[in-house]
Amino acid sequence: MEELIKRVQELGIDVEDLLISAVSRVDPGEAIRLRLETAGKYLTEAGEYLERGDITQASERAYKAAEEVVKALAEKYNMPEYQNALKEGRWYVYWLASVATRLSESLGDWIKEGWDSAYYLHVWGFHEGKVDAHIVNIRLRDVRKLVEEASKILKNVK
């Protein structure tokens, strides 16, 4: 099994997301809880990487936390982007951005701001390596708020 997981990951497939998506088809509430738990784990890791001075990994973990939260919110509100992801068997970044923007109208700008900061870190911190710890720390606050506010909404999902 470990060899299979390793080979799938080498192909660029996010095994964790694949498994949560499979759970979603059977028990959407459990999938939302798993995404929220995963987001919390990534947020904690982002802080730990930042403390160690690993800007690249701190940036990517912050992005992954936001990604999981936006997916969970999309699922809770049965957004069209979520339905598209189910049909396609994967998420696209532009769907995540669309969910964050559309939900910010009804739930608050914290969603859009958290997503935007996470995506900024994904591009400029992870891919480009052009940010410093101070910038990551500032952007991480928006991501932390995204996770905290979403947790209030998603904590009792059935």
N, C-alpha and C. Protein backbone atom coordinates (compact mmCIF):
# COMPACT_ATOMS: atom_id res chain seq x y z
N MET A 1 0.82 -1.19 0.00
CA MET A 1 0.00 0.00 0.00
C MET A 1 0.87 1.26 0.00
N GLU A 2 1.93 1.25 0.80
CA GLU A 2 2.81 2.42 0.85
C GLU A 2 3.44 2.69 -0.51
N GLU A 3 3.81 1.64 -1.20
CA GLU A 3 4.40 1.79 -2.54
C GLU A 3 3.40 2.39 -3.51
N LEU A 4 2.16 1.97 -3.43
CA LEU A 4 1.10 2.51 -4.28
C LEU A 4 0.90 4.00 -4.02
N ILE A 5 0.84 4.37 -2.76
CA ILE A 5 0.67 5.78 -2.40
C ILE A 5 1.84 6.59 -2.92
N LYS A 6 3.05 6.08 -2.76
CA LYS A 6 4.24 6.78 -3.24
C LYS A 6 4.18 6.98 -4.75
N ARG A 7 3.80 5.96 -5.48
CA ARG A 7 3.72 6.05 -6.95
C ARG A 7 2.65 7.05 -7.38
N VAL A 8 1.52 7.05 -6.70
CA VAL A 8 0.44 8.00 -7.02
C VAL A 8 0.90 9.43 -6.74
N GLN A 9 1.58 9.63 -5.64
CA GLN A 9 2.09 10.97 -5.31
C GLN A 9 3.11 11.43 -6.33
N GLU A 10 3.94 10.52 -6.81
CA GLU A 10 4.92 10.87 -7.84
C GLU A 10 4.26 11.35 -9.12
N LEU A 11 3.04 10.91 -9.35
CA LEU A 11 2.28 11.35 -10.52
C LEU A 11 1.62 12.71 -10.31
N GLY A 12 1.82 13.27 -9.10
CA GLY A 12 1.28 14.59 -8.81
C GLY A 12 -0.14 14.56 -8.27
N ILE A 13 -0.60 13.40 -7.84
CA ILE A 13 -1.96 13.26 -7.32
C ILE A 13 -1.92 13.46 -5.81
N ASP A 14 -2.79 14.34 -5.32
CA ASP A 14 -2.90 14.61 -3.89
C ASP A 14 -3.75 13.51 -3.26
N VAL A 15 -3.09 12.55 -2.64
CA VAL A 15 -3.76 11.37 -2.09
C VAL A 15 -4.76 11.77 -1.01
N GLU A 16 -4.38 12.70 -0.15
CA GLU A 16 -5.27 13.13 0.93
C GLU A 16 -6.56 13.71 0.37
N ASP A 17 -6.43 14.57 -0.64
CA ASP A 17 -7.62 15.17 -1.25
C ASP A 17 -8.46 14.10 -1.95
N LEU A 18 -7.81 13.17 -2.60
CA LEU A 18 -8.50 12.09 -3.28
C LEU A 18 -9.35 11.28 -2.29
N LEU A 19 -8.77 10.98 -1.15
CA LEU A 19 -9.49 10.21 -0.13
C LEU A 19 -10.66 11.00 0.47
N ILE A 20 -10.43 12.27 0.75
CA ILE A 20 -11.51 13.09 1.31
C ILE A 20 -12.63 13.23 0.28
N SER A 21 -12.29 13.38 -0.98
CA SER A 21 -13.31 13.47 -2.03
C SER A 21 -14.13 12.19 -2.11
N ALA A 22 -13.47 11.05 -1.92
CA ALA A 22 -14.19 9.77 -1.93
C ALA A 22 -15.15 9.70 -0.73
N VAL A 23 -14.71 10.16 0.43
CA VAL A 23 -15.57 10.19 1.61
C VAL A 23 -16.77 11.09 1.35
N SER A 24 -16.54 12.19 0.64
CA SER A 24 -17.60 13.15 0.35
C SER A 24 -18.77 12.53 -0.39
N ARG A 25 -18.49 11.59 -1.25
CA ARG A 25 -19.56 10.93 -2.02
C ARG A 25 -20.45 10.07 -1.12
N VAL A 26 -19.89 9.60 -0.01
CA VAL A 26 -20.63 8.72 0.90
C VAL A 26 -21.20 9.50 2.08
N ASP A 27 -20.40 10.42 2.64
CA ASP A 27 -20.79 11.15 3.84
C ASP A 27 -20.22 12.58 3.75
N PRO A 28 -20.97 13.48 3.11
CA PRO A 28 -20.48 14.86 2.94
C PRO A 28 -20.12 15.55 4.25
N GLY A 29 -20.88 15.30 5.28
CA GLY A 29 -20.58 15.93 6.57
C GLY A 29 -19.23 15.49 7.12
N GLU A 30 -18.93 14.22 6.98
CA GLU A 30 -17.63 13.71 7.44
C GLU A 30 -16.50 14.31 6.59
N ALA A 31 -16.73 14.44 5.31
CA ALA A 31 -15.71 15.04 4.43
C ALA A 31 -15.42 16.48 4.85
N ILE A 32 -16.46 17.21 5.17
CA ILE A 32 -16.28 18.60 5.61
C ILE A 32 -15.47 18.63 6.91
N ARG A 33 -15.80 17.75 7.84
CA ARG A 33 -15.05 17.68 9.10
C ARG A 33 -13.58 17.32 8.85
N LEU A 34 -13.34 16.38 7.93
CA LEU A 34 -11.97 15.99 7.60
C LEU A 34 -11.21 17.16 6.97
N ARG A 35 -11.86 17.90 6.09
CA ARG A 35 -11.21 19.05 5.46
C ARG A 35 -10.86 20.11 6.51
N LEU A 36 -11.76 20.35 7.43
CA LEU A 36 -11.51 21.33 8.49
C LEU A 36 -10.36 20.88 9.39
N GLU A 37 -10.35 19.61 9.73
CA GLU A 37 -9.26 19.06 10.53
C GLU A 37 -7.92 19.17 9.79
N THR A 38 -7.95 18.86 8.51
CA THR A 38 -6.75 18.95 7.68
C THR A 38 -6.27 20.39 7.58
N ALA A 39 -7.20 21.32 7.44
CA ALA A 39 -6.84 22.74 7.39
C ALA A 39 -6.15 23.16 8.67
N GLY A 40 -6.67 22.73 9.80
CA GLY A 40 -6.03 23.05 11.09
C GLY A 40 -4.63 22.49 11.18
N LYS A 41 -4.46 21.28 10.68
CA LYS A 41 -3.12 20.65 10.69
C LYS A 41 -2.16 21.47 9.82
N TYR A 42 -2.60 21.86 8.64
CA TYR A 42 -1.75 22.65 7.75
C TYR A 42 -1.42 24.01 8.35
N LEU A 43 -2.39 24.62 9.02
CA LEU A 43 -2.16 25.93 9.64
C LEU A 43 -1.11 25.82 10.74
N THR A 44 -1.20 24.78 11.55
CA THR A 44 -0.20 24.54 12.60
C THR A 44 1.17 24.34 11.98
N GLU A 45 1.24 23.53 10.93
CA GLU A 45 2.51 23.28 10.26
C GLU A 45 3.08 24.57 9.67
N ALA A 46 2.22 25.43 9.14
CA ALA A 46 2.70 26.70 8.58
C ALA A 46 3.41 27.51 9.64
N GLY A 47 2.81 27.59 10.83
CA GLY A 47 3.45 28.31 11.93
C GLY A 47 4.76 27.68 12.36
N GLU A 48 4.79 26.36 12.38
CA GLU A 48 6.03 25.67 12.77
C GLU A 48 7.14 25.90 11.74
N TYR A 49 6.81 25.81 10.47
CA TYR A 49 7.81 26.06 9.42
C TYR A 49 8.30 27.50 9.48
N LEU A 50 7.38 28.43 9.74
CA LEU A 50 7.77 29.83 9.83
C LEU A 50 8.74 30.04 10.99
N GLU A 51 8.48 29.42 12.13
CA GLU A 51 9.38 29.53 13.29
C GLU A 51 10.78 29.00 12.97
N ARG A 52 10.84 27.97 12.13
CA ARG A 52 12.13 27.38 11.75
C ARG A 52 12.79 28.15 10.59
N GLY A 53 12.09 29.14 10.05
CA GLY A 53 12.66 29.93 8.97
C GLY A 53 12.48 29.34 7.59
N ASP A 54 11.64 28.33 7.46
CA ASP A 54 11.38 27.71 6.16
C ASP A 54 10.19 28.41 5.52
N ILE A 55 10.49 29.51 4.83
CA ILE A 55 9.47 30.37 4.22
C ILE A 55 8.69 29.61 3.15
N THR A 56 9.38 28.81 2.37
CA THR A 56 8.75 28.08 1.27
C THR A 56 7.67 27.15 1.78
N GLN A 57 8.01 26.33 2.75
CA GLN A 57 7.03 25.37 3.27
C GLN A 57 5.95 26.05 4.12
N ALA A 58 6.30 27.11 4.83
CA ALA A 58 5.29 27.85 5.59
C ALA A 58 4.25 28.43 4.63
N SER A 59 4.72 28.94 3.51
CA SER A 59 3.82 29.51 2.50
C SER A 59 2.89 28.46 1.92
N GLU A 60 3.44 27.31 1.60
CA GLU A 60 2.62 26.26 0.99
C GLU A 60 1.62 25.68 1.97
N ARG A 61 2.02 25.51 3.22
CA ARG A 61 1.08 24.98 4.21
C ARG A 61 -0.07 25.97 4.46
N ALA A 62 0.24 27.26 4.45
CA ALA A 62 -0.83 28.26 4.60
C ALA A 62 -1.81 28.15 3.44
N TYR A 63 -1.28 27.99 2.24
CA TYR A 63 -2.13 27.84 1.06
C TYR A 63 -3.00 26.58 1.18
N LYS A 64 -2.40 25.48 1.59
CA LYS A 64 -3.13 24.22 1.70
C LYS A 64 -4.25 24.34 2.75
N ALA A 65 -4.00 25.07 3.83
CA ALA A 65 -5.03 25.28 4.84
C ALA A 65 -6.22 26.02 4.23
N ALA A 66 -5.94 27.08 3.49
CA ALA A 66 -7.01 27.85 2.86
C ALA A 66 -7.74 27.02 1.82
N GLU A 67 -7.02 26.25 1.07
CA GLU A 67 -7.62 25.39 0.05
C GLU A 67 -8.64 24.44 0.67
N GLU A 68 -8.27 23.81 1.77
CA GLU A 68 -9.17 22.86 2.43
C GLU A 68 -10.42 23.56 2.96
N VAL A 69 -10.25 24.74 3.52
CA VAL A 69 -11.38 25.48 4.07
C VAL A 69 -12.34 25.90 2.95
N VAL A 70 -11.81 26.40 1.86
CA VAL A 70 -12.67 26.83 0.76
C VAL A 70 -13.42 25.63 0.17
N LYS A 71 -12.76 24.50 0.05
CA LYS A 71 -13.44 23.30 -0.43
C LYS A 71 -14.56 22.89 0.53
N ALA A 72 -14.29 22.95 1.83
CA ALA A 72 -15.30 22.58 2.82
C ALA A 72 -16.50 23.52 2.75
N LEU A 73 -16.25 24.81 2.62
CA LEU A 73 -17.35 25.77 2.50
C LEU A 73 -18.15 25.54 1.22
N ALA A 74 -17.44 25.25 0.14
CA ALA A 74 -18.12 24.98 -1.13
C ALA A 74 -19.03 23.77 -1.00
N GLU A 75 -18.54 22.77 -0.28
CA GLU A 75 -19.34 21.57 -0.09
C GLU A 75 -20.54 21.85 0.81
N LYS A 76 -20.33 22.57 1.90
CA LYS A 76 -21.44 22.88 2.80
C LYS A 76 -22.55 23.62 2.08
N TYR A 77 -22.19 24.58 1.24
CA TYR A 77 -23.19 25.38 0.55
C TYR A 77 -23.53 24.84 -0.83
N ASN A 78 -23.03 23.64 -1.13
CA ASN A 78 -23.32 22.95 -2.39
C ASN A 78 -23.15 23.89 -3.59
N MET A 79 -22.01 24.55 -3.62
CA MET A 79 -21.72 25.52 -4.68
C MET A 79 -21.55 24.81 -6.03
N PRO A 80 -21.84 25.50 -7.12
CA PRO A 80 -21.66 24.90 -8.45
C PRO A 80 -20.23 24.41 -8.67
N GLU A 81 -19.26 25.11 -8.11
CA GLU A 81 -17.86 24.71 -8.25
C GLU A 81 -17.61 23.35 -7.58
N TYR A 82 -18.28 23.13 -6.47
CA TYR A 82 -18.17 21.84 -5.79
C TYR A 82 -18.76 20.74 -6.67
N GLN A 83 -19.90 21.02 -7.27
CA GLN A 83 -20.52 20.04 -8.17
C GLN A 83 -19.60 19.76 -9.37
N ASN A 84 -18.96 20.80 -9.89
CA ASN A 84 -18.01 20.62 -10.99
C ASN A 84 -16.83 19.75 -10.56
N ALA A 85 -16.34 19.98 -9.35
CA ALA A 85 -15.21 19.19 -8.84
C ALA A 85 -15.60 17.72 -8.70
N LEU A 86 -16.81 17.47 -8.26
CA LEU A 86 -17.28 16.09 -8.15
C LEU A 86 -17.30 15.43 -9.53
N LYS A 87 -17.82 16.16 -10.52
CA LYS A 87 -17.90 15.62 -11.88
C LYS A 87 -16.52 15.39 -12.49
N GLU A 88 -15.63 16.36 -12.29
CA GLU A 88 -14.28 16.29 -12.87
C GLU A 88 -13.34 15.36 -12.10
N GLY A 89 -13.66 15.16 -10.83
CA GLY A 89 -12.78 14.34 -10.00
C GLY A 89 -11.58 15.11 -9.48
N ARG A 90 -11.63 16.42 -9.58
CA ARG A 90 -10.55 17.28 -9.08
C ARG A 90 -11.02 18.72 -9.02
N TRP A 91 -10.27 19.52 -8.26
CA TRP A 91 -10.54 20.95 -8.14
C TRP A 91 -9.55 21.72 -9.02
N TYR A 92 -9.99 22.85 -9.52
CA TYR A 92 -9.12 23.79 -10.21
C TYR A 92 -9.02 25.06 -9.36
N VAL A 93 -7.89 25.71 -9.41
CA VAL A 93 -7.67 26.90 -8.58
C VAL A 93 -8.70 27.98 -8.88
N TYR A 94 -9.07 28.14 -10.14
CA TYR A 94 -10.03 29.20 -10.45
C TYR A 94 -11.40 28.90 -9.84
N TRP A 95 -11.74 27.63 -9.61
CA TRP A 95 -12.98 27.32 -8.91
C TRP A 95 -12.88 27.72 -7.45
N LEU A 96 -11.73 27.49 -6.84
CA LEU A 96 -11.54 27.87 -5.44
C LEU A 96 -11.64 29.39 -5.29
N ALA A 97 -11.02 30.11 -6.20
CA ALA A 97 -11.09 31.58 -6.17
C ALA A 97 -12.53 32.05 -6.35
N SER A 98 -13.26 31.40 -7.22
CA SER A 98 -14.66 31.75 -7.45
C SER A 98 -15.50 31.52 -6.20
N VAL A 99 -15.31 30.39 -5.54
CA VAL A 99 -16.04 30.09 -4.31
C VAL A 99 -15.74 31.16 -3.26
N ALA A 100 -14.46 31.46 -3.07
CA ALA A 100 -14.07 32.45 -2.06
C ALA A 100 -14.71 33.81 -2.35
N THR A 101 -14.70 34.21 -3.59
CA THR A 101 -15.27 35.51 -3.96
C THR A 101 -16.78 35.53 -3.77
N ARG A 102 -17.44 34.50 -4.26
CA ARG A 102 -18.90 34.46 -4.18
C ARG A 102 -19.39 34.34 -2.74
N LEU A 103 -18.74 33.50 -1.92
CA LEU A 103 -19.17 33.36 -0.54
C LEU A 103 -18.86 34.59 0.30
N SER A 104 -17.86 35.36 -0.10
CA SER A 104 -17.53 36.57 0.67
C SER A 104 -18.69 37.57 0.64
N GLU A 105 -19.51 37.51 -0.41
CA GLU A 105 -20.67 38.41 -0.49
C GLU A 105 -21.67 38.13 0.62
N SER A 106 -21.87 36.87 0.95
CA SER A 106 -22.87 36.53 1.96
C SER A 106 -22.29 36.28 3.35
N LEU A 107 -21.05 35.81 3.42
CA LEU A 107 -20.48 35.45 4.72
C LEU A 107 -19.48 36.47 5.26
N GLY A 108 -18.87 37.25 4.38
CA GLY A 108 -17.92 38.26 4.83
C GLY A 108 -16.63 38.24 4.04
N ASP A 109 -15.97 39.38 4.03
CA ASP A 109 -14.72 39.54 3.28
C ASP A 109 -13.58 38.68 3.80
N TRP A 110 -13.70 38.14 5.00
CA TRP A 110 -12.65 37.29 5.56
C TRP A 110 -12.36 36.09 4.66
N ILE A 111 -13.35 35.64 3.92
CA ILE A 111 -13.11 34.50 3.03
C ILE A 111 -12.22 34.92 1.86
N LYS A 112 -12.61 35.99 1.19
CA LYS A 112 -11.84 36.48 0.06
C LYS A 112 -10.44 36.91 0.49
N GLU A 113 -10.35 37.60 1.61
CA GLU A 113 -9.05 38.07 2.09
C GLU A 113 -8.14 36.91 2.48
N GLY A 114 -8.70 35.91 3.15
CA GLY A 114 -7.92 34.74 3.52
C GLY A 114 -7.44 33.97 2.30
N TRP A 115 -8.35 33.78 1.34
CA TRP A 115 -7.98 33.08 0.11
C TRP A 115 -6.91 33.86 -0.65
N ASP A 116 -7.12 35.17 -0.80
CA ASP A 116 -6.17 35.99 -1.55
C ASP A 116 -4.78 35.95 -0.92
N SER A 117 -4.71 36.03 0.39
CA SER A 117 -3.41 35.96 1.06
C SER A 117 -2.77 34.59 0.89
N ALA A 118 -3.58 33.55 0.97
CA ALA A 118 -3.04 32.20 0.79
C ALA A 118 -2.51 32.00 -0.62
N TYR A 119 -3.25 32.49 -1.60
CA TYR A 119 -2.81 32.33 -2.98
C TYR A 119 -1.55 33.16 -3.24
N TYR A 120 -1.49 34.35 -2.65
CA TYR A 120 -0.27 35.18 -2.73
C TYR A 120 0.93 34.39 -2.21
N LEU A 121 0.76 33.74 -1.06
CA LEU A 121 1.85 32.95 -0.48
C LEU A 121 2.20 31.75 -1.35
N HIS A 122 1.20 31.15 -1.94
CA HIS A 122 1.43 30.00 -2.82
C HIS A 122 2.31 30.41 -4.01
N VAL A 123 1.99 31.53 -4.60
CA VAL A 123 2.74 31.99 -5.78
C VAL A 123 4.08 32.59 -5.37
N TRP A 124 4.05 33.61 -4.51
CA TRP A 124 5.26 34.40 -4.22
C TRP A 124 6.14 33.80 -3.13
N GLY A 125 5.56 32.98 -2.27
CA GLY A 125 6.35 32.34 -1.22
C GLY A 125 6.82 30.94 -1.59
N PHE A 126 5.91 30.16 -2.16
CA PHE A 126 6.25 28.77 -2.49
C PHE A 126 6.90 28.66 -3.86
N HIS A 127 6.23 29.13 -4.89
CA HIS A 127 6.76 28.96 -6.25
C HIS A 127 7.92 29.90 -6.58
N GLU A 128 7.78 31.15 -6.22
CA GLU A 128 8.78 32.15 -6.62
C GLU A 128 9.85 32.42 -5.57
N GLY A 129 9.56 32.13 -4.31
CA GLY A 129 10.54 32.37 -3.25
C GLY A 129 10.92 33.83 -3.10
N LYS A 130 9.95 34.72 -3.23
CA LYS A 130 10.23 36.15 -3.22
C LYS A 130 9.73 36.89 -1.98
N VAL A 131 9.33 36.16 -0.94
CA VAL A 131 8.85 36.83 0.26
C VAL A 131 9.73 36.48 1.46
N ASP A 132 9.64 37.32 2.48
CA ASP A 132 10.40 37.06 3.70
C ASP A 132 9.44 36.65 4.82
N ALA A 133 10.00 36.32 5.96
CA ALA A 133 9.21 35.84 7.09
C ALA A 133 8.18 36.87 7.55
N HIS A 134 8.52 38.13 7.49
CA HIS A 134 7.59 39.18 7.92
C HIS A 134 6.34 39.17 7.05
N ILE A 135 6.52 39.08 5.75
CA ILE A 135 5.38 39.05 4.83
C ILE A 135 4.54 37.79 5.05
N VAL A 136 5.20 36.67 5.22
CA VAL A 136 4.46 35.42 5.47
C VAL A 136 3.65 35.56 6.75
N ASN A 137 4.23 36.12 7.78
CA ASN A 137 3.53 36.29 9.05
C ASN A 137 2.28 37.16 8.89
N ILE A 138 2.38 38.24 8.15
CA ILE A 138 1.24 39.13 7.93
C ILE A 138 0.14 38.40 7.15
N ARG A 139 0.52 37.74 6.07
CA ARG A 139 -0.46 37.01 5.24
C ARG A 139 -1.05 35.82 5.99
N LEU A 140 -0.26 35.21 6.84
CA LEU A 140 -0.72 34.07 7.62
C LEU A 140 -1.86 34.46 8.56
N ARG A 141 -1.86 35.71 9.02
CA ARG A 141 -2.96 36.18 9.88
C ARG A 141 -4.30 36.09 9.15
N ASP A 142 -4.32 36.46 7.86
CA ASP A 142 -5.55 36.37 7.08
C ASP A 142 -6.00 34.92 6.92
N VAL A 143 -5.05 34.04 6.69
CA VAL A 143 -5.36 32.62 6.54
C VAL A 143 -5.87 32.06 7.86
N ARG A 144 -5.25 32.45 8.94
CA ARG A 144 -5.68 31.99 10.27
C ARG A 144 -7.13 32.43 10.53
N LYS A 145 -7.45 33.67 10.18
CA LYS A 145 -8.82 34.17 10.36
C LYS A 145 -9.78 33.37 9.49
N LEU A 146 -9.38 33.05 8.27
CA LEU A 146 -10.21 32.24 7.38
C LEU A 146 -10.54 30.90 8.04
N VAL A 147 -9.53 30.25 8.57
CA VAL A 147 -9.74 28.94 9.20
C VAL A 147 -10.61 29.08 10.45
N GLU A 148 -10.35 30.09 11.26
CA GLU A 148 -11.11 30.27 12.50
C GLU A 148 -12.58 30.58 12.22
N GLU A 149 -12.84 31.50 11.30
CA GLU A 149 -14.23 31.88 10.99
C GLU A 149 -14.97 30.72 10.33
N ALA A 150 -14.32 30.03 9.43
CA ALA A 150 -14.95 28.88 8.78
C ALA A 150 -15.25 27.79 9.79
N SER A 151 -14.36 27.62 10.78
CA SER A 151 -14.58 26.61 11.82
C SER A 151 -15.86 26.87 12.58
N LYS A 152 -16.17 28.11 12.82
CA LYS A 152 -17.42 28.45 13.52
C LYS A 152 -18.63 28.00 12.71
N ILE A 153 -18.54 28.16 11.40
CA ILE A 153 -19.65 27.80 10.51
C ILE A 153 -19.74 26.29 10.31
N LEU A 154 -18.59 25.64 10.24
CA LEU A 154 -18.55 24.23 9.85
C LEU A 154 -18.50 23.24 11.00
N LYS A 155 -18.34 23.72 12.23
CA LYS A 155 -18.09 22.80 13.35
C LYS A 155 -19.22 21.82 13.62
N ASN A 156 -20.43 22.15 13.32
CA ASN A 156 -21.56 21.26 13.62
C ASN A 156 -22.25 20.73 12.36
N VAL A 157 -21.50 20.61 11.30
CA VAL A 157 -22.07 20.11 10.05
C VAL A 157 -22.42 18.65 10.20
N LYS A 158 -23.55 18.27 9.65
CA LYS A 158 -23.98 16.86 9.71
C LYS A 158 -24.01 16.26 8.34
